[in-house]
């Protein structure tokens, strides 16, 4: 995927969302520094990143704050990996992504920061900005004349 020139590799530009291969992750699990600001936020406060992801996947039915608080509480009893794995499965279902590199709960158990960063990037690469929240994304899509992703027909709010 990178071009070679005199023994040096240059990464190609990230294609627009419509050009991502269907059924594949658009970025790897270890590409956290593709979005350095989100990587740092996730390292120090994963509950915020999780809350943002969950609000988009729940189509705004639960707020970022509530989801982040639940994730934070679950981390105190050592079960945030289970909760994170549930939402990773939900994301995969919406975007028809493979369960890779291993089971969703195991990815979150082994490296919650990497998995949350990957999920956040995946949402961004498919046209949703988790930092805006669900309602602001819907308004943005409506202004741009786009159909909201992650929504079954007749369910957009």
N, C-alpha and C. Protein backbone atom coordinates (compact mmCIF):
# COMPACT_ATOMS: atom_id res chain seq x y z
N UNK A 1 0.81 -1.19 0.00
CA UNK A 1 0.00 0.00 0.00
C UNK A 1 0.86 1.26 0.00
N UNK A 2 2.14 1.13 0.15
CA UNK A 2 3.03 2.28 0.11
C UNK A 2 3.84 2.24 -1.18
N UNK A 3 4.16 3.40 -1.69
CA UNK A 3 4.96 3.44 -2.91
C UNK A 3 6.44 3.45 -2.54
N UNK A 4 7.27 2.85 -3.40
CA UNK A 4 8.71 2.78 -3.15
C UNK A 4 9.42 3.75 -4.09
N UNK A 5 10.41 4.41 -3.53
CA UNK A 5 11.21 5.32 -4.34
C UNK A 5 12.60 5.37 -3.74
N UNK A 6 13.56 4.84 -4.44
CA UNK A 6 14.94 4.79 -3.99
C UNK A 6 15.08 4.17 -2.60
N UNK A 7 14.36 3.07 -2.36
CA UNK A 7 14.48 2.34 -1.10
C UNK A 7 13.73 2.96 0.06
N UNK A 8 13.01 4.05 -0.15
CA UNK A 8 12.26 4.69 0.92
C UNK A 8 10.77 4.47 0.68
N UNK A 9 10.05 4.15 1.73
CA UNK A 9 8.61 3.95 1.61
C UNK A 9 7.88 5.22 2.00
N UNK A 10 6.90 5.60 1.20
CA UNK A 10 6.06 6.75 1.49
C UNK A 10 4.63 6.25 1.61
N UNK A 11 3.98 6.54 2.73
CA UNK A 11 2.60 6.08 2.86
C UNK A 11 1.70 6.82 1.89
N UNK A 12 0.72 6.11 1.39
CA UNK A 12 -0.26 6.74 0.51
C UNK A 12 -1.27 7.49 1.36
N UNK A 13 -1.92 8.46 0.78
CA UNK A 13 -2.94 9.23 1.49
C UNK A 13 -4.12 8.33 1.82
N UNK A 14 -4.78 8.62 2.92
CA UNK A 14 -5.96 7.85 3.33
C UNK A 14 -7.08 8.18 2.36
N UNK A 15 -7.70 7.16 1.76
CA UNK A 15 -8.77 7.42 0.80
C UNK A 15 -10.02 7.92 1.49
N UNK A 16 -10.87 8.64 0.75
CA UNK A 16 -12.14 9.06 1.35
C UNK A 16 -12.97 7.85 1.74
N UNK A 17 -13.95 8.02 2.66
CA UNK A 17 -14.72 6.88 3.18
C UNK A 17 -15.29 5.95 2.12
N UNK A 18 -15.74 6.49 1.00
CA UNK A 18 -16.36 5.65 -0.01
C UNK A 18 -15.35 4.72 -0.68
N UNK A 19 -14.05 4.97 -0.53
CA UNK A 19 -13.04 4.17 -1.18
C UNK A 19 -12.43 3.10 -0.29
N UNK A 20 -12.89 2.97 0.95
CA UNK A 20 -12.35 1.94 1.83
C UNK A 20 -12.90 0.60 1.38
N UNK A 21 -12.06 -0.43 1.41
CA UNK A 21 -12.53 -1.76 1.03
C UNK A 21 -13.64 -2.21 1.97
N UNK A 22 -14.71 -2.67 1.40
CA UNK A 22 -15.83 -3.12 2.21
C UNK A 22 -15.46 -4.39 2.96
N UNK A 23 -15.88 -4.45 4.21
CA UNK A 23 -15.63 -5.63 5.02
C UNK A 23 -14.23 -5.71 5.59
N UNK A 24 -13.48 -4.60 5.58
CA UNK A 24 -12.14 -4.57 6.16
C UNK A 24 -11.99 -3.34 7.03
N UNK A 25 -11.18 -3.44 8.07
CA UNK A 25 -10.86 -2.29 8.90
C UNK A 25 -10.07 -1.30 8.06
N UNK A 26 -10.34 -0.02 8.21
CA UNK A 26 -9.63 1.00 7.42
C UNK A 26 -8.25 1.31 8.00
N UNK A 27 -8.03 1.01 9.27
CA UNK A 27 -6.72 1.20 9.90
C UNK A 27 -6.43 0.00 10.79
N UNK A 28 -5.17 -0.19 11.08
CA UNK A 28 -4.77 -1.32 11.92
C UNK A 28 -4.92 -1.02 13.40
N UNK A 29 -4.89 -2.07 14.20
CA UNK A 29 -5.04 -1.95 15.65
C UNK A 29 -3.90 -1.15 16.27
N UNK A 30 -2.74 -1.16 15.67
CA UNK A 30 -1.57 -0.47 16.24
C UNK A 30 -1.29 0.89 15.59
N UNK A 31 -2.22 1.41 14.82
CA UNK A 31 -2.05 2.70 14.16
C UNK A 31 -2.58 3.85 15.01
N UNK A 32 -2.38 3.77 16.31
CA UNK A 32 -2.92 4.78 17.24
C UNK A 32 -2.46 6.19 16.92
N UNK A 33 -1.22 6.33 16.44
CA UNK A 33 -0.68 7.67 16.19
C UNK A 33 -1.14 8.27 14.87
N UNK A 34 -2.05 7.58 14.16
CA UNK A 34 -2.67 8.19 12.98
C UNK A 34 -3.52 9.39 13.42
N UNK A 35 -4.01 9.35 14.64
CA UNK A 35 -4.78 10.45 15.24
C UNK A 35 -4.18 10.72 16.61
N UNK A 36 -3.07 11.48 16.67
CA UNK A 36 -2.34 11.66 17.92
C UNK A 36 -3.15 12.28 19.06
N UNK A 37 -4.03 13.23 18.74
CA UNK A 37 -4.80 13.85 19.82
C UNK A 37 -5.76 12.86 20.46
N UNK A 38 -6.39 12.02 19.64
CA UNK A 38 -7.29 11.01 20.21
C UNK A 38 -6.49 9.95 20.96
N UNK A 39 -5.31 9.63 20.47
CA UNK A 39 -4.45 8.65 21.14
C UNK A 39 -4.11 9.13 22.55
N UNK A 40 -3.71 10.37 22.68
CA UNK A 40 -3.36 10.91 24.00
C UNK A 40 -4.59 10.96 24.92
N UNK A 41 -5.71 11.43 24.38
CA UNK A 41 -6.94 11.47 25.18
C UNK A 41 -7.30 10.07 25.67
N UNK A 42 -7.21 9.09 24.79
CA UNK A 42 -7.58 7.72 25.14
C UNK A 42 -6.61 7.12 26.15
N UNK A 43 -5.33 7.45 26.04
CA UNK A 43 -4.35 6.95 27.01
C UNK A 43 -4.65 7.43 28.42
N UNK A 44 -5.03 8.69 28.53
CA UNK A 44 -5.24 9.27 29.85
C UNK A 44 -6.68 9.18 30.35
N UNK A 45 -7.63 9.10 29.44
CA UNK A 45 -9.03 9.01 29.86
C UNK A 45 -9.85 8.21 28.84
N UNK A 46 -9.68 6.90 28.84
CA UNK A 46 -10.39 6.07 27.86
C UNK A 46 -11.90 6.15 27.97
N UNK A 47 -12.40 6.54 29.14
CA UNK A 47 -13.85 6.60 29.31
C UNK A 47 -14.48 7.67 28.39
N UNK A 48 -13.74 8.74 28.09
CA UNK A 48 -14.26 9.77 27.18
C UNK A 48 -14.36 9.22 25.76
N UNK A 49 -13.29 8.59 25.30
CA UNK A 49 -13.31 8.01 23.95
C UNK A 49 -14.40 6.95 23.85
N UNK A 50 -14.50 6.09 24.86
CA UNK A 50 -15.54 5.06 24.82
C UNK A 50 -16.93 5.69 24.77
N UNK A 51 -17.17 6.71 25.60
CA UNK A 51 -18.47 7.38 25.62
C UNK A 51 -18.84 7.96 24.27
N UNK A 52 -17.86 8.56 23.60
CA UNK A 52 -18.11 9.14 22.27
C UNK A 52 -18.47 8.07 21.26
N UNK A 53 -17.73 6.96 21.29
CA UNK A 53 -18.01 5.85 20.37
C UNK A 53 -19.40 5.28 20.63
N UNK A 54 -19.68 5.03 21.90
CA UNK A 54 -20.96 4.41 22.26
C UNK A 54 -22.15 5.30 21.91
N UNK A 55 -22.01 6.62 22.06
CA UNK A 55 -23.13 7.51 21.71
C UNK A 55 -23.46 7.40 20.22
N UNK A 56 -22.44 7.32 19.38
CA UNK A 56 -22.67 7.18 17.93
C UNK A 56 -23.31 5.82 17.64
N UNK A 57 -22.77 4.76 18.22
CA UNK A 57 -23.29 3.42 17.95
C UNK A 57 -24.69 3.21 18.51
N UNK A 58 -25.03 3.94 19.58
CA UNK A 58 -26.38 3.86 20.15
C UNK A 58 -27.33 4.87 19.51
N UNK A 59 -26.84 5.56 18.45
CA UNK A 59 -27.65 6.53 17.71
C UNK A 59 -28.21 7.63 18.61
N UNK A 60 -27.44 8.03 19.62
CA UNK A 60 -27.85 9.10 20.51
C UNK A 60 -28.84 8.72 21.58
N UNK A 61 -29.19 7.45 21.67
CA UNK A 61 -30.16 7.01 22.70
C UNK A 61 -29.57 7.07 24.10
N UNK A 62 -28.26 6.97 24.22
CA UNK A 62 -27.58 7.17 25.49
C UNK A 62 -26.48 8.19 25.27
N UNK A 63 -26.28 9.05 26.24
CA UNK A 63 -25.31 10.13 26.07
C UNK A 63 -23.88 9.65 26.24
N UNK A 64 -22.98 10.44 25.71
CA UNK A 64 -21.54 10.20 25.86
C UNK A 64 -21.18 10.16 27.34
N UNK A 65 -21.74 11.09 28.11
CA UNK A 65 -21.41 11.15 29.54
C UNK A 65 -21.85 9.90 30.29
N UNK A 66 -23.06 9.45 30.02
CA UNK A 66 -23.56 8.26 30.70
C UNK A 66 -22.72 7.04 30.33
N UNK A 67 -22.44 6.87 29.04
CA UNK A 67 -21.65 5.73 28.60
C UNK A 67 -20.23 5.78 29.18
N UNK A 68 -19.64 6.98 29.20
CA UNK A 68 -18.31 7.14 29.78
C UNK A 68 -18.30 6.81 31.26
N UNK A 69 -19.35 7.21 31.97
CA UNK A 69 -19.46 6.93 33.40
C UNK A 69 -19.61 5.43 33.65
N UNK A 70 -20.40 4.77 32.83
CA UNK A 70 -20.57 3.31 32.97
C UNK A 70 -19.22 2.62 32.72
N UNK A 71 -18.52 3.05 31.68
CA UNK A 71 -17.20 2.47 31.37
C UNK A 71 -16.24 2.69 32.53
N UNK A 72 -16.24 3.89 33.08
CA UNK A 72 -15.37 4.22 34.22
C UNK A 72 -15.70 3.33 35.42
N UNK A 73 -16.99 3.17 35.71
CA UNK A 73 -17.41 2.31 36.83
C UNK A 73 -17.00 0.86 36.59
N UNK A 74 -17.19 0.40 35.36
CA UNK A 74 -16.82 -0.99 35.05
C UNK A 74 -15.31 -1.19 35.17
N UNK A 75 -14.53 -0.14 34.90
CA UNK A 75 -13.07 -0.27 35.01
C UNK A 75 -12.64 -0.47 36.47
N UNK A 76 -13.44 0.03 37.40
CA UNK A 76 -13.11 -0.14 38.81
C UNK A 76 -13.38 -1.55 39.34
N UNK A 77 -14.17 -2.30 38.60
CA UNK A 77 -14.37 -3.70 38.99
C UNK A 77 -13.68 -4.64 37.99
N UNK A 78 -12.90 -4.04 37.08
CA UNK A 78 -12.11 -4.84 36.14
C UNK A 78 -12.88 -5.43 34.99
N UNK A 79 -14.01 -4.84 34.62
CA UNK A 79 -14.84 -5.40 33.54
C UNK A 79 -15.01 -4.48 32.35
N UNK A 80 -14.22 -3.41 32.26
CA UNK A 80 -14.36 -2.49 31.14
C UNK A 80 -14.08 -3.18 29.80
N UNK A 81 -13.21 -4.18 29.82
CA UNK A 81 -12.89 -4.93 28.61
C UNK A 81 -14.12 -5.64 28.05
N UNK A 82 -14.98 -6.13 28.94
CA UNK A 82 -16.19 -6.81 28.51
C UNK A 82 -17.17 -5.83 27.87
N UNK A 83 -17.34 -4.68 28.53
CA UNK A 83 -18.23 -3.64 28.02
C UNK A 83 -17.70 -3.09 26.69
N UNK A 84 -16.40 -2.85 26.62
CA UNK A 84 -15.78 -2.38 25.38
C UNK A 84 -15.93 -3.40 24.26
N UNK A 85 -15.80 -4.67 24.58
CA UNK A 85 -15.95 -5.73 23.58
C UNK A 85 -17.35 -5.78 23.00
N UNK A 86 -18.35 -5.49 23.83
CA UNK A 86 -19.74 -5.46 23.34
C UNK A 86 -19.90 -4.38 22.28
N UNK A 87 -19.34 -3.21 22.54
CA UNK A 87 -19.47 -2.12 21.58
C UNK A 87 -18.60 -2.31 20.35
N UNK A 88 -17.48 -3.00 20.49
CA UNK A 88 -16.67 -3.32 19.32
C UNK A 88 -17.46 -4.26 18.41
N UNK A 89 -18.15 -5.22 19.00
CA UNK A 89 -19.00 -6.13 18.22
C UNK A 89 -20.11 -5.37 17.52
N UNK A 90 -20.67 -4.40 18.20
CA UNK A 90 -21.74 -3.58 17.63
C UNK A 90 -21.21 -2.79 16.41
N UNK A 91 -20.03 -2.20 16.56
CA UNK A 91 -19.41 -1.47 15.45
C UNK A 91 -19.16 -2.39 14.27
N UNK A 92 -18.61 -3.57 14.55
CA UNK A 92 -18.35 -4.53 13.48
C UNK A 92 -19.62 -4.92 12.76
N UNK A 93 -20.70 -5.07 13.52
CA UNK A 93 -21.99 -5.42 12.92
C UNK A 93 -22.50 -4.34 11.98
N UNK A 94 -22.39 -3.08 12.39
CA UNK A 94 -22.84 -1.97 11.56
C UNK A 94 -22.04 -1.85 10.27
N UNK A 95 -20.74 -2.10 10.37
CA UNK A 95 -19.85 -1.88 9.22
C UNK A 95 -19.41 -3.16 8.53
N UNK A 96 -19.95 -4.29 8.95
CA UNK A 96 -19.59 -5.60 8.38
C UNK A 96 -18.08 -5.83 8.39
N UNK A 97 -17.47 -5.62 9.54
CA UNK A 97 -16.03 -5.79 9.70
C UNK A 97 -15.72 -7.15 10.29
N UNK A 98 -14.54 -7.69 9.98
CA UNK A 98 -14.17 -8.99 10.54
C UNK A 98 -13.78 -8.86 12.01
N UNK A 99 -13.91 -9.95 12.73
CA UNK A 99 -13.48 -10.00 14.13
C UNK A 99 -11.96 -10.22 14.12
N UNK A 100 -11.23 -9.10 14.07
CA UNK A 100 -9.77 -9.18 13.92
C UNK A 100 -9.10 -8.17 14.82
N UNK A 101 -7.96 -8.42 15.30
CA UNK A 101 -7.09 -9.58 15.08
C UNK A 101 -7.51 -10.81 15.89
N UNK A 102 -8.44 -10.64 16.84
CA UNK A 102 -8.96 -11.78 17.60
C UNK A 102 -10.34 -11.39 18.12
N UNK A 103 -10.88 -12.16 19.06
CA UNK A 103 -12.22 -11.89 19.60
C UNK A 103 -12.29 -10.47 20.17
N UNK A 104 -13.44 -9.84 20.01
CA UNK A 104 -13.63 -8.45 20.44
C UNK A 104 -13.29 -8.24 21.91
N UNK A 105 -13.76 -9.11 22.77
CA UNK A 105 -13.49 -8.94 24.20
C UNK A 105 -12.00 -9.10 24.50
N UNK A 106 -11.33 -9.97 23.72
CA UNK A 106 -9.90 -10.19 23.94
C UNK A 106 -9.07 -8.98 23.48
N UNK A 107 -9.49 -8.35 22.38
CA UNK A 107 -8.81 -7.14 21.92
C UNK A 107 -8.89 -6.07 23.00
N UNK A 108 -10.08 -5.91 23.58
CA UNK A 108 -10.24 -4.91 24.65
C UNK A 108 -9.52 -5.32 25.92
N UNK A 109 -9.46 -6.59 26.20
CA UNK A 109 -8.78 -7.06 27.40
C UNK A 109 -7.27 -6.85 27.29
N UNK A 110 -6.70 -7.13 26.12
CA UNK A 110 -5.25 -7.02 25.94
C UNK A 110 -4.78 -5.59 25.75
N UNK A 111 -5.56 -4.79 25.03
CA UNK A 111 -5.14 -3.41 24.79
C UNK A 111 -6.35 -2.53 24.51
N UNK A 112 -6.98 -2.09 25.60
CA UNK A 112 -8.18 -1.27 25.44
C UNK A 112 -7.88 0.04 24.73
N UNK A 113 -6.71 0.63 24.98
CA UNK A 113 -6.38 1.91 24.34
C UNK A 113 -6.28 1.76 22.83
N UNK A 114 -5.57 0.74 22.37
CA UNK A 114 -5.43 0.51 20.92
C UNK A 114 -6.79 0.22 20.27
N UNK A 115 -7.59 -0.59 20.93
CA UNK A 115 -8.89 -0.94 20.35
C UNK A 115 -9.82 0.28 20.30
N UNK A 116 -9.84 1.08 21.36
CA UNK A 116 -10.69 2.27 21.35
C UNK A 116 -10.23 3.27 20.29
N UNK A 117 -8.93 3.43 20.16
CA UNK A 117 -8.40 4.34 19.12
C UNK A 117 -8.79 3.85 17.73
N UNK A 118 -8.68 2.55 17.50
CA UNK A 118 -9.04 1.99 16.19
C UNK A 118 -10.53 2.19 15.90
N UNK A 119 -11.36 1.95 16.90
CA UNK A 119 -12.80 2.10 16.70
C UNK A 119 -13.17 3.56 16.43
N UNK A 120 -12.53 4.47 17.14
CA UNK A 120 -12.77 5.90 16.95
C UNK A 120 -12.38 6.31 15.52
N UNK A 121 -11.19 5.86 15.07
CA UNK A 121 -10.75 6.16 13.71
C UNK A 121 -11.69 5.56 12.68
N UNK A 122 -12.18 4.37 12.95
CA UNK A 122 -13.09 3.70 12.01
C UNK A 122 -14.37 4.52 11.83
N UNK A 123 -14.91 5.02 12.94
CA UNK A 123 -16.10 5.87 12.84
C UNK A 123 -15.80 7.13 12.02
N UNK A 124 -14.67 7.76 12.31
CA UNK A 124 -14.30 8.97 11.57
C UNK A 124 -14.11 8.67 10.08
N UNK A 125 -13.47 7.56 9.78
CA UNK A 125 -13.22 7.20 8.39
C UNK A 125 -14.49 6.82 7.64
N UNK A 126 -15.55 6.53 8.37
CA UNK A 126 -16.83 6.21 7.73
C UNK A 126 -17.82 7.37 7.83
N UNK A 127 -17.30 8.57 8.13
CA UNK A 127 -18.13 9.77 8.04
C UNK A 127 -18.74 10.28 9.32
N UNK A 128 -18.48 9.66 10.45
CA UNK A 128 -19.02 10.14 11.74
C UNK A 128 -17.87 10.72 12.56
N UNK A 129 -18.10 11.87 13.16
CA UNK A 129 -17.09 12.46 14.05
C UNK A 129 -17.59 12.26 15.48
N UNK A 130 -17.06 11.25 16.18
CA UNK A 130 -17.55 10.96 17.53
C UNK A 130 -17.43 12.13 18.50
N UNK A 131 -16.49 13.04 18.27
CA UNK A 131 -16.33 14.17 19.19
C UNK A 131 -17.50 15.14 19.12
N UNK A 132 -18.27 15.10 18.03
CA UNK A 132 -19.43 15.99 17.88
C UNK A 132 -20.67 15.47 18.58
N UNK A 133 -20.77 14.18 18.77
CA UNK A 133 -21.99 13.59 19.32
C UNK A 133 -22.95 13.22 18.20
N UNK A 134 -23.94 12.44 18.53
CA UNK A 134 -24.88 11.92 17.52
C UNK A 134 -25.68 13.03 16.85
N UNK A 135 -26.31 13.89 17.63
CA UNK A 135 -27.21 14.89 17.06
C UNK A 135 -26.47 15.84 16.13
N UNK A 136 -25.30 16.31 16.53
CA UNK A 136 -24.52 17.20 15.67
C UNK A 136 -24.09 16.50 14.38
N UNK A 137 -23.79 15.22 14.46
CA UNK A 137 -23.45 14.47 13.25
C UNK A 137 -24.65 14.36 12.33
N UNK A 138 -25.82 14.08 12.88
CA UNK A 138 -27.03 13.99 12.06
C UNK A 138 -27.30 15.32 11.37
N UNK A 139 -27.16 16.43 12.11
CA UNK A 139 -27.35 17.75 11.51
C UNK A 139 -26.35 18.00 10.39
N UNK A 140 -25.09 17.61 10.61
CA UNK A 140 -24.05 17.77 9.59
C UNK A 140 -24.39 16.96 8.35
N UNK A 141 -24.81 15.70 8.55
CA UNK A 141 -25.17 14.85 7.41
C UNK A 141 -26.36 15.42 6.66
N UNK A 142 -27.34 15.95 7.39
CA UNK A 142 -28.50 16.54 6.74
C UNK A 142 -28.11 17.76 5.91
N UNK A 143 -27.24 18.62 6.45
CA UNK A 143 -26.76 19.80 5.71
C UNK A 143 -26.04 19.38 4.44
N UNK A 144 -25.28 18.31 4.52
CA UNK A 144 -24.50 17.83 3.37
C UNK A 144 -25.31 16.93 2.45
N UNK A 145 -26.57 16.67 2.81
CA UNK A 145 -27.42 15.82 2.00
C UNK A 145 -27.04 14.36 2.01
N UNK A 146 -26.41 13.92 3.10
CA UNK A 146 -25.98 12.52 3.23
C UNK A 146 -26.95 11.73 4.08
N UNK A 147 -27.05 10.46 3.79
CA UNK A 147 -27.83 9.56 4.62
C UNK A 147 -26.97 9.15 5.81
N UNK A 148 -27.48 9.32 7.04
CA UNK A 148 -26.67 8.94 8.21
C UNK A 148 -26.29 7.46 8.19
N UNK A 149 -24.99 7.17 8.39
CA UNK A 149 -24.61 5.76 8.50
C UNK A 149 -25.09 5.20 9.83
N UNK A 150 -25.03 3.92 10.02
CA UNK A 150 -25.39 3.26 11.27
C UNK A 150 -26.87 3.38 11.58
N UNK A 151 -27.71 3.66 10.59
CA UNK A 151 -29.13 3.83 10.83
C UNK A 151 -29.92 2.97 9.84
N UNK A 152 -30.84 2.19 10.37
CA UNK A 152 -31.72 1.43 9.50
C UNK A 152 -32.73 2.40 8.88
N UNK A 153 -33.27 2.10 7.69
CA UNK A 153 -34.23 3.01 7.05
C UNK A 153 -35.39 3.35 7.99
N UNK A 154 -35.73 4.64 8.04
CA UNK A 154 -36.84 5.10 8.87
C UNK A 154 -36.47 5.33 10.32
N UNK A 155 -35.19 5.09 10.69
CA UNK A 155 -34.81 5.24 12.10
C UNK A 155 -34.03 6.52 12.37
N UNK A 156 -33.67 7.32 11.33
CA UNK A 156 -32.88 8.51 11.60
C UNK A 156 -33.73 9.54 12.34
N UNK A 157 -33.06 10.22 13.29
CA UNK A 157 -33.78 11.13 14.17
C UNK A 157 -33.53 12.57 13.79
